[in-house]
C-alpha atoms as a PDB file:
ATOM      1  CA  MET A   1      63.231 111.870 116.658  1.00  0.00           C
ATOM      2  CA  SER A   2      62.286 108.593 117.518  1.00  0.00           C
ATOM      3  CA  VAL A   3      64.159 105.177 116.996  1.00  0.00           C
ATOM      4  CA  ASP A   4      61.331 104.592 114.262  1.00  0.00           C
ATOM      5  CA  ASP A   5      61.819 107.949 112.629  1.00  0.00           C
ATOM      6  CA  GLN A   6      65.536 106.779 111.987  1.00  0.00           C
ATOM      7  CA  ALA A   7      65.016 103.451 110.490  1.00  0.00           C
ATOM      8  CA  LEU A   8      66.618 102.329 107.448  1.00  0.00           C
ATOM      9  CA  PRO A   9      63.905 102.178 104.769  1.00  0.00           C
ATOM     10  CA  PRO A  10      63.120  98.718 103.871  1.00  0.00           C
ATOM     11  CA  GLN A  11      63.749  99.442 100.260  1.00  0.00           C
ATOM     12  CA  LEU A  12      67.329 100.039 101.018  1.00  0.00           C
ATOM     13  CA  THR A  13      68.427  97.352 103.474  1.00  0.00           C
ATOM     14  CA  GLU A  14      68.627  94.857 101.012  1.00  0.00           C
ATOM     15  CA  PRO A  15      71.065  96.658  98.447  1.00  0.00           C
ATOM     16  CA  VAL A  16      73.116  98.317 101.500  1.00  0.00           C
ATOM     17  CA  LEU A  17      73.677  94.507 102.640  1.00  0.00           C
ATOM     18  CA  LEU A  18      74.563  93.296  99.238  1.00  0.00           C
ATOM     19  CA  ARG A  19      77.017  96.321  98.831  1.00  0.00           C
ATOM     20  CA  LEU A  20      78.378  95.455 102.066  1.00  0.00           C
ATOM     21  CA  GLY A  21      79.143  92.014 100.648  1.00  0.00           C
ATOM     22  CA  LEU A  22      76.596  90.478 102.939  1.00  0.00           C
ATOM     23  CA  THR A  23      73.832  87.684 101.386  1.00  0.00           C
ATOM     24  CA  GLY A  24      71.462  88.369 103.876  1.00  0.00           C
ATOM     25  CA  LEU A  25      70.698  89.171 107.607  1.00  0.00           C
ATOM     26  CA  PRO A  26      73.583  88.684 109.888  1.00  0.00           C
ATOM     27  CA  SER A  27      73.001  86.396 112.998  1.00  0.00           C
ATOM     28  CA  LEU A  28      72.647  88.325 116.041  1.00  0.00           C
ATOM     29  CA  ASP A  29      75.736  87.473 117.937  1.00  0.00           C
ATOM     30  CA  LEU A  30      79.407  88.730 117.802  1.00  0.00           C
ATOM     31  CA  GLU A  31      79.981  86.794 114.490  1.00  0.00           C
ATOM     32  CA  GLY A  32      77.383  88.858 113.081  1.00  0.00           C
ATOM     33  CA  LEU A  33      78.265  92.389 114.616  1.00  0.00           C
ATOM     34  CA  SER A  34      81.633  91.394 113.414  1.00  0.00           C
ATOM     35  CA  ALA A  35      80.935  90.571 109.626  1.00  0.00           C
ATOM     36  CA  VAL A  36      78.482  93.813 109.618  1.00  0.00           C
ATOM     37  CA  TYR A  37      81.076  96.204 111.242  1.00  0.00           C
ATOM     38  CA  GLY A  38      83.932  94.362 109.024  1.00  0.00           C
ATOM     39  CA  SER A  39      82.594  95.088 105.938  1.00  0.00           C
ATOM     40  CA  TRP A  40      81.714  98.632 106.835  1.00  0.00           C
ATOM     41  CA  CYS A  41      85.164  99.430 107.462  1.00  0.00           C
ATOM     42  CA  THR A  42      86.566  98.291 104.107  1.00  0.00           C
ATOM     43  CA  ARG A  43      83.928  99.550 101.685  1.00  0.00           C
ATOM     44  CA  VAL A  44      82.588 102.869 103.628  1.00  0.00           C
ATOM     45  CA  PRO A  45      85.529 105.393 103.525  1.00  0.00           C
ATOM     46  CA  PHE A  46      85.622 107.909 106.574  1.00  0.00           C
ATOM     47  CA  GLU A  47      85.750 111.444 104.396  1.00  0.00           C
ATOM     48  CA  ASN A  48      84.451 114.615 104.203  1.00  0.00           C
ATOM     49  CA  THR A  49      84.088 115.060 100.481  1.00  0.00           C
ATOM     50  CA  ARG A  50      80.235 116.007 101.110  1.00  0.00           C
ATOM     51  CA  LYS A  51      80.549 118.598 103.796  1.00  0.00           C
ATOM     52  CA  MET A  52      83.461 120.018 101.911  1.00  0.00           C
ATOM     53  CA  HIS A  53      81.115 120.327  98.999  1.00  0.00           C
ATOM     54  CA  ALA A  54      78.032 121.483 100.948  1.00  0.00           C
ATOM     55  CA  LEU A  55      80.268 124.401 103.071  1.00  0.00           C
ATOM     56  CA  ARG A  56      82.041 125.590  99.688  1.00  0.00           C
ATOM     57  CA  THR A  57      78.798 125.994  97.743  1.00  0.00           C
ATOM     58  CA  GLY A  58      76.701 127.269 100.351  1.00  0.00           C
ATOM     59  CA  ALA A  59      74.405 124.507  99.998  1.00  0.00           C
ATOM     60  CA  ALA A  60      70.879 125.014 102.187  1.00  0.00           C
ATOM     61  CA  GLY A  61      69.576 123.284 104.913  1.00  0.00           C
ATOM     62  CA  PRO A  62      71.456 120.766 107.181  1.00  0.00           C
ATOM     63  CA  LEU A  63      74.644 119.419 106.767  1.00  0.00           C
ATOM     64  CA  PRO A  64      74.459 116.527 104.114  1.00  0.00           C
ATOM     65  CA  GLY A  65      74.218 112.748 105.351  1.00  0.00           C
ATOM     66  CA  ILE A  66      73.032 112.878 108.519  1.00  0.00           C
ATOM     67  CA  ARG A  67      69.733 111.098 107.540  1.00  0.00           C
ATOM     68  CA  ALA A  68      70.766 107.333 107.148  1.00  0.00           C
ATOM     69  CA  ASP A  69      68.861 107.148 103.577  1.00  0.00           C
ATOM     70  CA  ASP A  70      70.395 110.085 102.208  1.00  0.00           C
ATOM     71  CA  PHE A  71      74.028 108.973 103.349  1.00  0.00           C
ATOM     72  CA  LEU A  72      73.183 105.274 102.152  1.00  0.00           C
ATOM     73  CA  GLU A  73      71.730 106.522  99.028  1.00  0.00           C
ATOM     74  CA  HIS A  74      74.494 108.890  98.278  1.00  0.00           C
ATOM     75  CA  TRP A  75      77.147 105.875  99.255  1.00  0.00           C
ATOM     76  CA  LEU A  76      75.370 103.270  96.714  1.00  0.00           C
ATOM     77  CA  VAL A  77      75.512 105.707  93.924  1.00  0.00           C
ATOM     78  CA  HIS A  78      78.811 107.418  94.684  1.00  0.00           C
ATOM     79  CA  GLY A  79      80.669 105.515  97.162  1.00  0.00           C
ATOM     80  CA  THR A  80      80.938 108.426  99.428  1.00  0.00           C
ATOM     81  CA  GLY A  81      80.929 108.219 103.318  1.00  0.00           C
ATOM     82  CA  GLY A  82      80.865 111.061 105.351  1.00  0.00           C
ATOM     83  CA  THR A  83      82.553 112.356 109.118  1.00  0.00           C
ATOM     84  CA  CYS A  84      81.494 110.986 112.460  1.00  0.00           C
ATOM     85  CA  TRP A  85      78.319 112.504 112.820  1.00  0.00           C
ATOM     86  CA  PRO A  86      76.469 111.244 109.579  1.00  0.00           C
ATOM     87  CA  SER A  87      78.571 108.170 109.118  1.00  0.00           C
ATOM     88  CA  SER A  88      77.822 106.965 113.142  1.00  0.00           C
ATOM     89  CA  HIS A  89      73.837 107.690 112.199  1.00  0.00           C
ATOM     90  CA  ALA A  90      73.821 105.746 108.893  1.00  0.00           C
ATOM     91  CA  LEU A  91      75.875 102.630 110.657  1.00  0.00           C
ATOM     92  CA  PHE A  92      73.508 102.771 113.700  1.00  0.00           C
ATOM     93  CA  ALA A  93      70.819 102.446 111.177  1.00  0.00           C
ATOM     94  CA  VAL A  94      72.043  99.492 109.292  1.00  0.00           C
ATOM     95  CA  LEU A  95      72.489  97.867 112.628  1.00  0.00           C
ATOM     96  CA  ARG A  96      69.216  98.555 113.819  1.00  0.00           C
ATOM     97  CA  ALA A  97      67.764  97.043 110.290  1.00  0.00           C
ATOM     98  CA  CYS A  98      69.421  93.674 110.800  1.00  0.00           C
ATOM     99  CA  GLY A  99      67.993  93.265 114.246  1.00  0.00           C
ATOM    100  CA  PHE A 100      71.047  94.660 116.639  1.00  0.00           C
ATOM    101  CA  ASP A 101      70.574  96.025 119.901  1.00  0.00           C
ATOM    102  CA  ALA A 102      72.294  99.029 118.844  1.00  0.00           C
ATOM    103  CA  ARG A 103      72.239 102.835 120.522  1.00  0.00           C
ATOM    104  CA  LEU A 104      73.929 106.298 119.945  1.00  0.00           C
ATOM    105  CA  VAL A 105      76.424 107.757 121.975  1.00  0.00           C
ATOM    106  CA  VAL A 106      78.476 110.932 122.097  1.00  0.00           C
ATOM    107  CA  ALA A 107      82.264 111.234 123.390  1.00  0.00           C
ATOM    108  CA  SER A 108      84.890 113.580 123.547  1.00  0.00           C
ATOM    109  CA  MET A 109      87.538 112.898 121.090  1.00  0.00           C
ATOM    110  CA  ARG A 110      90.711 113.930 122.905  1.00  0.00           C
ATOM    111  CA  ASP A 111      89.351 113.785 125.920  1.00  0.00           C
ATOM    112  CA  LEU A 112      88.559 117.485 126.205  1.00  0.00           C
ATOM    113  CA  GLY A 113      85.213 117.443 128.064  1.00  0.00           C
ATOM    114  CA  VAL A 114      83.138 118.841 124.991  1.00  0.00           C
ATOM    115  CA  LEU A 115      80.596 116.750 122.820  1.00  0.00           C
ATOM    116  CA  SER A 116      82.505 116.023 119.760  1.00  0.00           C
ATOM    117  CA  HIS A 117      82.347 112.824 118.870  1.00  0.00           C
ATOM    118  CA  ALA A 118      79.518 110.256 117.680  1.00  0.00           C
ATOM    119  CA  SER A 119      79.788 106.169 117.790  1.00  0.00           C
ATOM    120  CA  ILE A 120      77.568 103.541 118.860  1.00  0.00           C
ATOM    121  CA  LYS A 121      77.101 100.701 121.350  1.00  0.00           C
ATOM    122  CA  VAL A 122      75.737  97.348 120.297  1.00  0.00           C
ATOM    123  CA  ARG A 123      74.601  94.787 123.131  1.00  0.00           C
ATOM    124  CA  LEU A 124      74.897  91.073 122.985  1.00  0.00           C
ATOM    125  CA  ASP A 125      74.289  88.948 125.760  1.00  0.00           C
ATOM    126  CA  GLY A 126      74.449  91.661 128.512  1.00  0.00           C
ATOM    127  CA  ARG A 127      77.586  93.082 127.606  1.00  0.00           C
ATOM    128  CA  ASP A 128      78.612  96.268 125.201  1.00  0.00           C
ATOM    129  CA  TRP A 129      80.535  96.613 122.120  1.00  0.00           C
ATOM    130  CA  LEU A 130      81.880  99.858 120.381  1.00  0.00           C
ATOM    131  CA  VAL A 131      81.564  99.879 116.620  1.00  0.00           C
ATOM    132  CA  ASP A 132      83.104 103.225 115.625  1.00  0.00           C
ATOM    133  CA  SER A 133      82.358 104.492 112.143  1.00  0.00           C
ATOM    134  CA  SER A 134      85.389 106.991 112.370  1.00  0.00           C
ATOM    135  CA  MET A 135      88.232 104.615 113.763  1.00  0.00           C
ATOM    136  CA  LEU A 136      87.259 101.885 111.351  1.00  0.00           C
ATOM    137  CA  LEU A 137      88.908  99.424 113.629  1.00  0.00           C
ATOM    138  CA  ASN A 138      87.906  96.245 111.936  1.00  0.00           C
ATOM    139  CA  ALA A 139      86.363  94.794 114.532  1.00  0.00           C
ATOM    140  CA  PRO A 140      83.961  95.292 117.351  1.00  0.00           C
ATOM    141  CA  LEU A 141      85.560  96.937 120.994  1.00  0.00           C
ATOM    142  CA  PRO A 142      84.984  94.954 124.164  1.00  0.00           C
ATOM    143  CA  LEU A 143      83.585  97.441 126.955  1.00  0.00           C
ATOM    144  CA  GLY A 144      83.891  95.916 130.262  1.00  0.00           C
ATOM    145  CA  ASP A 145      85.371  96.228 133.343  1.00  0.00           C
ATOM    146  CA  GLU A 146      88.939  95.346 132.192  1.00  0.00           C
ATOM    147  CA  VAL A 147      91.539  97.483 130.082  1.00  0.00           C
ATOM    148  CA  PHE A 148      91.421  95.841 126.668  1.00  0.00           C
ATOM    149  CA  ILE A 149      94.600  96.227 124.393  1.00  0.00           C
ATOM    150  CA  GLY A 150      94.292  95.715 120.675  1.00  0.00           C
ATOM    151  CA  ASP A 151      97.414  93.561 119.203  1.00  0.00           C
ATOM    152  CA  ASP A 152      96.991  94.737 115.717  1.00  0.00           C
ATOM    153  CA  PRO A 153      99.780  97.162 114.690  1.00  0.00           C
ATOM    154  CA  VAL A 154      97.845  98.583 111.720  1.00  0.00           C
ATOM    155  CA  TRP A 155      94.629  99.379 113.899  1.00  0.00           C
ATOM    156  CA  PRO A 156      96.085  99.726 117.204  1.00  0.00           C
ATOM    157  CA  VAL A 157      93.501 100.536 120.119  1.00  0.00           C
ATOM    158  CA  GLU A 158      93.084 100.070 123.599  1.00  0.00           C
ATOM    159  CA  VAL A 159      89.957 100.639 126.011  1.00  0.00           C
ATOM    160  CA  GLU A 160      90.582 101.566 129.469  1.00  0.00           C
ATOM    161  CA  PRO A 161      87.432 101.964 131.842  1.00  0.00           C
ATOM    162  CA  VAL A 162      87.653 105.247 133.814  1.00  0.00           C
ATOM    163  CA  ASP A 163      85.169 106.697 136.388  1.00  0.00           C
ATOM    164  CA  GLY A 164      81.745 104.827 135.328  1.00  0.00           C
ATOM    165  CA  THR A 165      82.798 105.109 131.302  1.00  0.00           C
ATOM    166  CA  HIS A 166      85.275 104.308 129.122  1.00  0.00           C
ATOM    167  CA  LEU A 167      88.559 105.927 126.993  1.00  0.00           C
ATOM    168  CA  ILE A 168      89.034 104.464 123.977  1.00  0.00           C
ATOM    169  CA  TRP A 169      92.784 105.120 122.650  1.00  0.00           C
ATOM    170  CA  TRP A 170      93.809 104.877 118.875  1.00  0.00           C
ATOM    171  CA  HIS A 171      95.848 106.480 116.494  1.00  0.00           C
ATOM    172  CA  ALA A 172      96.382 106.793 112.838  1.00  0.00           C
ATOM    173  CA  PRO A 173      99.256 108.441 110.892  1.00  0.00           C
ATOM    174  CA  PRO A 174     100.748 110.955 110.250  1.00  0.00           C
ATOM    175  CA  GLY A 175     100.585 111.612 114.133  1.00  0.00           C
ATOM    176  CA  SER A 176     101.996 108.747 116.227  1.00  0.00           C
ATOM    177  CA  ALA A 177     100.681 109.245 119.492  1.00  0.00           C
ATOM    178  CA  TYR A 178      97.440 107.929 120.491  1.00  0.00           C
ATOM    179  CA  LEU A 179      94.190 109.753 120.895  1.00  0.00           C
ATOM    180  CA  PRO A 180      92.229 109.591 123.823  1.00  0.00           C
ATOM    181  CA  CYS A 181      88.540 109.374 122.914  1.00  0.00           C
ATOM    182  CA  ARG A 182      86.242 109.367 126.419  1.00  0.00           C
ATOM    183  CA  VAL A 183      82.492 108.488 125.944  1.00  0.00           C
ATOM    184  CA  LEU A 184      80.543 110.596 127.688  1.00  0.00           C
ATOM    185  CA  MET A 185      76.444 110.516 126.951  1.00  0.00           C
ATOM    186  CA  ASP A 186      75.397 107.209 126.495  1.00  0.00           C
ATOM    187  CA  PRO A 187      72.717 107.096 125.299  1.00  0.00           C
ATOM    188  CA  ALA A 188      72.657 109.845 123.149  1.00  0.00           C
ATOM    189  CA  PRO A 189      69.595 111.230 121.449  1.00  0.00           C
ATOM    190  CA  PHE A 190      69.384 111.654 117.502  1.00  0.00           C
ATOM    191  CA  ASN A 191      68.722 115.399 118.188  1.00  0.00           C
ATOM    192  CA  GLU A 192      72.479 115.736 119.288  1.00  0.00           C
ATOM    193  CA  TYR A 193      74.006 114.183 116.695  1.00  0.00           C
ATOM    194  CA  LEU A 194      71.867 116.852 114.636  1.00  0.00           C
ATOM    195  CA  ALA A 195      72.972 119.622 116.914  1.00  0.00           C
ATOM    196  CA  GLY A 196      76.907 118.314 116.964  1.00  0.00           C
ATOM    197  CA  TYR A 197      77.014 118.021 113.519  1.00  0.00           C
ATOM    198  CA  GLU A 198      75.760 121.730 113.018  1.00  0.00           C
ATOM    199  CA  ARG A 199      78.275 122.999 115.718  1.00  0.00           C
ATOM    200  CA  SER A 200      80.765 121.420 113.410  1.00  0.00           C
ATOM    201  CA  ARG A 201      79.597 123.743 110.532  1.00  0.00           C
ATOM    202  CA  ALA A 202      81.746 126.447 112.692  1.00  0.00           C
ATOM    203  CA  ARG A 203      84.789 124.678 113.236  1.00  0.00           C
ATOM    204  CA  SER A 204      86.276 121.283 112.368  1.00  0.00           C
ATOM    205  CA  PRO A 205      89.103 119.767 111.163  1.00  0.00           C
ATOM    206  CA  PHE A 206      87.148 118.137 108.454  1.00  0.00           C
ATOM    207  CA  ASN A 207      85.631 121.520 106.919  1.00  0.00           C
ATOM    208  CA  ASP A 208      88.667 122.856 104.443  1.00  0.00           C
ATOM    209  CA  ARG A 209      91.205 120.320 103.311  1.00  0.00           C
ATOM    210  CA  LEU A 210      90.514 116.531 102.601  1.00  0.00           C
ATOM    211  CA  TYR A 211      90.414 113.920 104.797  1.00  0.00           C
ATOM    212  CA  ALA A 212      89.829 110.423 103.538  1.00  0.00           C
ATOM    213  CA  ARG A 213      90.517 106.929 105.363  1.00  0.00           C
ATOM    214  CA  ILE A 214      89.738 103.240 104.297  1.00  0.00           C
ATOM    215  CA  ASN A 215      91.045 100.071 105.540  1.00  0.00           C
ATOM    216  CA  LYS A 216      92.359  97.452 102.718  1.00  0.00           C
ATOM    217  CA  PRO A 217      93.639  93.667 103.401  1.00  0.00           C
ATOM    218  CA  GLY A 218      96.631  94.697 105.853  1.00  0.00           C
ATOM    219  CA  GLU A 219      97.025  98.390 104.998  1.00  0.00           C
ATOM    220  CA  LEU A 220      94.894 101.723 106.109  1.00  0.00           C
ATOM    221  CA  VAL A 221      94.978 104.263 103.259  1.00  0.00           C
ATOM    222  CA  ILE A 222      94.639 107.890 104.298  1.00  0.00           C
ATOM    223  CA  LEU A 223      94.522 111.211 101.979  1.00  0.00           C
ATOM    224  CA  LEU A 224      95.281 114.208 104.194  1.00  0.00           C
ATOM    225  CA  GLY A 225      95.240 117.252 102.473  1.00  0.00           C
ATOM    226  CA  ARG A 226      97.674 116.337  98.820  1.00  0.00           C
ATOM    227  CA  THR A 227      99.296 113.663 100.797  1.00  0.00           C
ATOM    228  CA  ARG A 228      98.568 109.807 100.571  1.00  0.00           C
ATOM    229  CA  ILE A 229      99.611 107.624 103.493  1.00  0.00           C
ATOM    230  CA  LEU A 230      99.274 104.239 103.814  1.00  0.00           C
ATOM    231  CA  ARG A 231     100.113 102.063 106.882  1.00  0.00           C
ATOM    232  CA  THR A 232     100.887  98.125 106.938  1.00  0.00           C
ATOM    233  CA  ARG A 233     102.352  95.956 109.706  1.00  0.00           C
ATOM    234  CA  ASP A 234     106.021  97.154 108.028  1.00  0.00           C
ATOM    235  CA  GLY A 235     105.402 100.726 108.759  1.00  0.00           C
ATOM    236  CA  VAL A 236     104.136 104.086 107.320  1.00  0.00           C
ATOM    237  CA  THR A 237     105.192 105.940 103.873  1.00  0.00           C
ATOM    238  CA  ALA A 238     103.743 109.183 102.449  1.00  0.00           C
ATOM    239  CA  VAL A 239     103.938 110.398  99.097  1.00  0.00           C
ATOM    240  CA  ASP A 240     102.601 113.769  97.741  1.00  0.00           C
ATOM    241  CA  LEU A 241     100.137 113.764  94.853  1.00  0.00           C
ATOM    242  CA  ASP A 242      99.477 116.228  92.184  1.00  0.00           C
ATOM    243  CA  SER A 243      95.808 117.158  91.109  1.00  0.00           C
ATOM    244  CA  ASP A 244      95.000 114.330  88.766  1.00  0.00           C
ATOM    245  CA  GLY A 245      96.579 112.108  91.113  1.00  0.00           C
ATOM    246  CA  LEU A 246      94.871 112.965  94.145  1.00  0.00           C
ATOM    247  CA  ARG A 247      91.272 112.731  92.135  1.00  0.00           C
ATOM    248  CA  GLN A 248      92.588 109.078  90.774  1.00  0.00           C
ATOM    249  CA  ALA A 249      93.469 108.023  94.553  1.00  0.00           C
ATOM    250  CA  LEU A 250      89.950 109.317  95.537  1.00  0.00           C
ATOM    251  CA  GLN A 251      88.553 106.718  92.824  1.00  0.00           C
ATOM    252  CA  ASP A 252      90.969 103.996  93.485  1.00  0.00           C
ATOM    253  CA  ASP A 253      91.175 104.022  96.995  1.00  0.00           C
ATOM    254  CA  MET A 254      88.714 105.454  98.491  1.00  0.00           C
ATOM    255  CA  GLY A 255      85.834 104.001  95.894  1.00  0.00           C
ATOM    256  CA  LEU A 256      84.106 107.591  94.991  1.00  0.00           C
ATOM    257  CA  SER A 257      82.500 107.780  91.430  1.00  0.00           C
ATOM    258  CA  ALA A 258      84.359 109.750  88.738  1.00  0.00           C
ATOM    259  CA  ALA A 259      80.905 112.028  88.539  1.00  0.00           C
ATOM    260  CA  TRP A 260      81.323 113.311  92.325  1.00  0.00           C
ATOM    261  CA  VAL A 261      85.129 113.649  92.395  1.00  0.00           C
ATOM    262  CA  ASP A 262      84.426 115.989  89.306  1.00  0.00           C
ATOM    263  CA  ALA A 263      81.498 117.515  91.514  1.00  0.00           C
ATOM    264  CA  TRP A 264      83.806 117.701  94.684  1.00  0.00           C
ATOM    265  CA  ALA A 265      86.525 119.516  92.462  1.00  0.00           C
ATOM    266  CA  ALA A 266      84.558 122.199  90.750  1.00  0.00           C
ATOM    267  CA  SER A 267      83.401 123.259  94.172  1.00  0.00           C
ATOM    268  CA  GLY A 268      87.229 124.354  94.514  1.00  0.00           C
ATOM    269  CA  ALA A 269      87.714 121.801  97.242  1.00  0.00           C
ATOM    270  CA  LEU A 270      90.569 119.865  95.539  1.00  0.00           C
ATOM    271  CA  GLU A 271      92.387 123.424  95.356  1.00  0.00           C
ATOM    272  CA  ALA A 272      91.785 124.244  98.779  1.00  0.00           C
ATOM    273  CA  SER A 273      92.821 120.365  99.916  1.00  0.00           C
ATOM    274  CA  ARG A 274      96.393 121.395  97.850  1.00  0.00           C
ATOM    275  CA  GLN A 275      97.078 124.318 100.085  1.00  0.00           C
ATOM    276  CA  PRO A 276      99.073 124.163 103.522  1.00  0.00           C
ATOM    277  CA  PRO A 277      97.081 123.474 106.739  1.00  0.00           C
ATOM    278  CA  PRO A 278      95.391 126.579 107.857  1.00  0.00           C
ATOM    279  CA  GLY A 279      97.162 126.259 111.409  1.00  0.00           C
ATOM    280  CA  PRO A 280      99.473 124.780 113.744  1.00  0.00           C
ATOM    281  CA  PRO A 281      98.653 120.966 114.681  1.00  0.00           C
ATOM    282  CA  PRO A 282      97.380 120.533 118.395  1.00  0.00           C
ATOM    283  CA  PRO A 283      99.322 120.413 120.831  1.00  0.00           C
ATOM    284  CA  PRO A 284     100.422 116.652 121.689  1.00  0.00           C
ATOM    285  CA  ASP A 285      98.702 114.973 124.628  1.00  0.00           C
ATOM    286  CA  PRO A 286     101.054 114.307 127.694  1.00  0.00           C
ATOM    287  CA  ARG A 287      98.998 111.240 128.614  1.00  0.00           C
ATOM    288  CA  VAL A 288      99.610 107.975 127.069  1.00  0.00           C
ATOM    289  CA  PRO A 289      97.621 104.549 126.807  1.00  0.00           C
ATOM    290  CA  PRO A 290      97.528 101.829 129.647  1.00  0.00           C
ATOM    291  CA  SER A 291     100.010  99.791 127.724  1.00  0.00           C
ATOM    292  CA  GLN A 292     102.534 102.274 128.087  1.00  0.00           C
ATOM    293  CA  ARG A 293     102.488 103.294 131.550  1.00  0.00           C
END
């Protein structure tokens, strides 16, 4: 598909920007990019309810949300987000509609050498910035020839130039170790997004149990299975929720509609999310980010 085929339909641009809290098109500079991305991180959750629902109901066709219009229309009505492939493509379409020089890229989460993660680069005045719809880091990441070390304890991130590309070091609870993510394909064709999302149908940490994450002022909120995790500057707290509490958290924390939460629960996804993880967690990575060497 060409960039034009992926464009955000004109009738969606205004309502999407308004829902993001923007009253018009942003300026095409770092301030404008920061406004769009910062709003996305606090209004569009990274979550897997649509994917879980589709897998459990045997929905025909591609997995939901990979087309930007489908993703954004469902978000406008029900507040849903998506995992990396659909959410990254939707954010890309929004940025292109605003006039930014954005491009799709594909990376390897945990730096395993496989194409497993979707992200976006934006070119501004001869410099690239990463805006990632999964990491939800609130601010664009500078990609240059020098190491970048973020200073926010709620959204820790570091960027390391390596072998002509970049390693992004980040982490989110419940783990305490940084995860490396290496950009491998730049630019990436949309068909690689389609293929990556389809590959995830067979194997993904986001197929069997709830995972949802969104940013609030000074807070990172995560729903992992039946557990609600909150990280602030003061540390991390975790509370197990019953079924009603989990439903309510999806509405209150993530902004999902009651109608969609009901449909998700009716598919069996709520009960599945209350079960223990299906297998052991991945082994810890012995590598550490630049600041810890």
